[in-house]
C-alpha atoms as a PDB file:
ATOM      1  CA  MET A   1      -0.136  -0.240  -0.002  1.00  0.00           C
ATOM      2  CA  THR A   2       0.941   3.149  -0.563  1.00  0.00           C
ATOM      3  CA  VAL A   3       1.093   6.296   2.270  1.00  0.00           C
ATOM      4  CA  ILE A   4      -1.745   7.849   1.102  1.00  0.00           C
ATOM      5  CA  GLU A   5      -3.850   4.010   0.319  1.00  0.00           C
ATOM      6  CA  ARG A   6      -2.653   3.738   4.231  1.00  0.00           C
ATOM      7  CA  LEU A   7      -4.214   7.144   5.054  1.00  0.00           C
ATOM      8  CA  ARG A   8      -7.546   6.100   3.503  1.00  0.00           C
ATOM      9  CA  ALA A   9      -7.694   3.331   4.724  1.00  0.00           C
ATOM     10  CA  ALA A  10      -6.473   4.583   8.236  1.00  0.00           C
ATOM     11  CA  THR A  11      -9.537   4.813  11.484  1.00  0.00           C
ATOM     12  CA  GLU A  12      -6.546   6.939  13.547  1.00  0.00           C
ATOM     13  CA  GLY A  13      -3.638   8.602  13.496  1.00  0.00           C
ATOM     14  CA  SER A  14      -0.470   6.778  14.691  1.00  0.00           C
ATOM     15  CA  THR A  15       3.223   7.878  15.225  1.00  0.00           C
ATOM     16  CA  GLU A  16       3.902   4.541  12.450  1.00  0.00           C
ATOM     17  CA  LEU A  17       2.015   6.417   9.905  1.00  0.00           C
ATOM     18  CA  ASP A  18       3.841  10.433  10.264  1.00  0.00           C
ATOM     19  CA  LEU A  19       7.015   8.150   9.854  1.00  0.00           C
ATOM     20  CA  GLU A  20       5.642   7.252   6.234  1.00  0.00           C
ATOM     21  CA  ILE A  21       4.691  10.730   5.692  1.00  0.00           C
ATOM     22  CA  ALA A  22       8.521  12.487   6.885  1.00  0.00           C
ATOM     23  CA  ARG A  23       9.679   9.828   4.192  1.00  0.00           C
ATOM     24  CA  ALA A  24       7.122  10.012   0.812  1.00  0.00           C
ATOM     25  CA  ILE A  25       8.771  13.434   1.645  1.00  0.00           C
ATOM     26  CA  GLY A  26      11.524  13.316   1.642  1.00  0.00           C
ATOM     27  CA  ARG A  27      12.866  14.411   5.287  1.00  0.00           C
ATOM     28  CA  ASP A  28      15.115  12.394   7.640  1.00  0.00           C
ATOM     29  CA  PRO A  29      12.745  12.563  10.845  1.00  0.00           C
ATOM     30  CA  GLU A  30      15.605  13.088  13.016  1.00  0.00           C
ATOM     31  CA  THR A  31      15.848  16.576  11.312  1.00  0.00           C
ATOM     32  CA  PHE A  32      12.788  18.374  11.947  1.00  0.00           C
ATOM     33  CA  THR A  33      13.089  20.960  14.361  1.00  0.00           C
ATOM     34  CA  ALA A  34      10.432  23.266  16.418  1.00  0.00           C
ATOM     35  CA  ASP A  35      10.467  25.763  13.499  1.00  0.00           C
ATOM     36  CA  LEU A  36       7.802  23.335  12.045  1.00  0.00           C
ATOM     37  CA  GLY A  37       4.774  23.517  14.016  1.00  0.00           C
ATOM     38  CA  GLY A  38       3.370  22.005  16.452  1.00  0.00           C
ATOM     39  CA  GLY A  39       2.479  18.935  18.416  1.00  0.00           C
ATOM     40  CA  TRP A  40       6.011  17.177  18.624  1.00  0.00           C
ATOM     41  CA  MET A  41       6.821  14.393  19.927  1.00  0.00           C
ATOM     42  CA  ALA A  42       8.925  11.646  20.286  1.00  0.00           C
ATOM     43  CA  ALA A  43       9.642   7.956  18.382  1.00  0.00           C
ATOM     44  CA  GLY A  44      13.232   6.116  20.191  1.00  0.00           C
ATOM     45  CA  VAL A  45      15.325   9.063  18.394  1.00  0.00           C
ATOM     46  CA  GLU A  46      13.154  10.223  16.173  1.00  0.00           C
ATOM     47  CA  PHE A  47      11.016  13.269  16.219  1.00  0.00           C
ATOM     48  CA  VAL A  48       8.140  14.789  13.662  1.00  0.00           C
ATOM     49  CA  PRO A  49       5.239  16.391  13.669  1.00  0.00           C
ATOM     50  CA  ARG A  50       1.652  15.084  15.167  1.00  0.00           C
ATOM     51  CA  TRP A  51       0.690  15.041  10.883  1.00  0.00           C
ATOM     52  CA  THR A  52      -1.389  12.451  11.904  1.00  0.00           C
ATOM     53  CA  ARG A  53      -3.778  13.778  15.045  1.00  0.00           C
ATOM     54  CA  ARG A  54      -4.126  17.750  14.908  1.00  0.00           C
ATOM     55  CA  VAL A  55      -5.499  19.464  11.904  1.00  0.00           C
ATOM     56  CA  GLU A  56      -3.026  22.968  12.821  1.00  0.00           C
ATOM     57  CA  VAL A  57      -0.426  20.535  12.281  1.00  0.00           C
ATOM     58  CA  ALA A  58      -1.953  18.182   9.178  1.00  0.00           C
ATOM     59  CA  ALA A  59      -1.531  22.428   7.338  1.00  0.00           C
ATOM     60  CA  THR A  60       1.997  22.603   7.286  1.00  0.00           C
ATOM     61  CA  LEU A  61       1.768  20.045   4.883  1.00  0.00           C
ATOM     62  CA  LEU A  62       0.951  22.187   2.058  1.00  0.00           C
ATOM     63  CA  PRO A  63       2.355  24.852   0.244  1.00  0.00           C
ATOM     64  CA  ALA A  64       2.417  27.741   1.582  1.00  0.00           C
ATOM     65  CA  ASP A  65      -0.192  29.148  -1.195  1.00  0.00           C
ATOM     66  CA  LEU A  66      -2.981  26.536  -1.168  1.00  0.00           C
ATOM     67  CA  SER A  67      -6.011  27.759   0.329  1.00  0.00           C
ATOM     68  CA  TRP A  68      -7.350  24.081   2.529  1.00  0.00           C
ATOM     69  CA  GLY A  69     -10.258  23.353   4.114  1.00  0.00           C
ATOM     70  CA  VAL A  70     -12.069  20.193   6.000  1.00  0.00           C
ATOM     71  CA  ALA A  71     -15.067  19.325   7.115  1.00  0.00           C
ATOM     72  CA  SER A  72     -16.510  15.927   9.904  1.00  0.00           C
ATOM     73  CA  TYR A  73     -19.799  14.230   8.929  1.00  0.00           C
ATOM     74  CA  GLY A  74     -21.106  11.075  10.205  1.00  0.00           C
ATOM     75  CA  GLY A  75     -17.740   9.565  11.363  1.00  0.00           C
ATOM     76  CA  ALA A  76     -15.848  10.486   8.199  1.00  0.00           C
ATOM     77  CA  ALA A  77     -13.797  13.884   7.080  1.00  0.00           C
ATOM     78  CA  SER A  78     -12.783  15.149   4.270  1.00  0.00           C
ATOM     79  CA  ALA A  79     -10.110  17.097   2.885  1.00  0.00           C
ATOM     80  CA  TRP A  80      -9.944  19.547  -0.240  1.00  0.00           C
ATOM     81  CA  CYS A  81      -7.293  21.957  -0.760  1.00  0.00           C
ATOM     82  CA  SER A  82      -6.741  24.382  -3.661  1.00  0.00           C
ATOM     83  CA  SER A  83      -4.892  22.467  -5.836  1.00  0.00           C
ATOM     84  CA  GLY A  84      -8.312  20.574  -6.908  1.00  0.00           C
ATOM     85  CA  ASP A  85      -7.600  17.455  -4.423  1.00  0.00           C
ATOM     86  CA  ASP A  86     -10.377  16.905  -2.685  1.00  0.00           C
ATOM     87  CA  CYS A  87      -9.630  13.628  -0.165  1.00  0.00           C
ATOM     88  CA  GLY A  88     -11.821  11.057   2.727  1.00  0.00           C
ATOM     89  CA  ALA A  89     -10.272   9.670   5.222  1.00  0.00           C
ATOM     90  CA  ALA A  90     -11.717   8.487   9.256  1.00  0.00           C
ATOM     91  CA  THR A  91     -11.056  11.989  10.648  1.00  0.00           C
ATOM     92  CA  PRO A  92      -9.852  15.626   9.562  1.00  0.00           C
ATOM     93  CA  ALA A  93      -6.218  15.290  10.523  1.00  0.00           C
ATOM     94  CA  LEU A  94      -5.506  12.470   7.796  1.00  0.00           C
ATOM     95  CA  ALA A  95      -8.006  13.500   5.503  1.00  0.00           C
ATOM     96  CA  LEU A  96      -5.993  16.623   4.881  1.00  0.00           C
ATOM     97  CA  CYS A  97      -3.096  14.825   5.536  1.00  0.00           C
ATOM     98  CA  VAL A  98      -3.862  13.062   2.083  1.00  0.00           C
ATOM     99  CA  ALA A  99      -4.913  16.203   0.233  1.00  0.00           C
ATOM    100  CA  ALA A 100      -1.225  18.197   1.096  1.00  0.00           C
ATOM    101  CA  LEU A 101       0.191  14.834  -0.236  1.00  0.00           C
ATOM    102  CA  MET A 102      -0.858  15.035  -3.266  1.00  0.00           C
ATOM    103  CA  ALA A 103      -0.688  18.724  -3.733  1.00  0.00           C
ATOM    104  CA  ARG A 104       2.594  17.426  -3.601  1.00  0.00           C
ATOM    105  CA  GLY A 105       2.065  14.848  -6.450  1.00  0.00           C
ATOM    106  CA  VAL A 106       2.871  11.794  -4.233  1.00  0.00           C
ATOM    107  CA  LYS A 107       1.054   9.024  -5.586  1.00  0.00           C
ATOM    108  CA  ALA A 108      -2.104   7.741  -4.276  1.00  0.00           C
END
């Protein structure tokens, strides 16, 4: 499964998914610094933002020039960004991660 497929299939965010996102965008999880945003956690010796658990942290994955939005309804969530991607997942943060990765050109 691709990282996008795993995000869509997940029922909640996790450290494992956050690490997969880091690798998908070409970032070494050990190089993250506090200027990337809030929501930090330690995973052994690796530090990675909690993209899959907090919408405001997931938004840091989006290119700065894109508008975005999320909605939650009936146990499901949807996110969109102005690149044209409309993405569904179990939570708003997961949905926004999917939209952000698609906007970055990560393969679904």
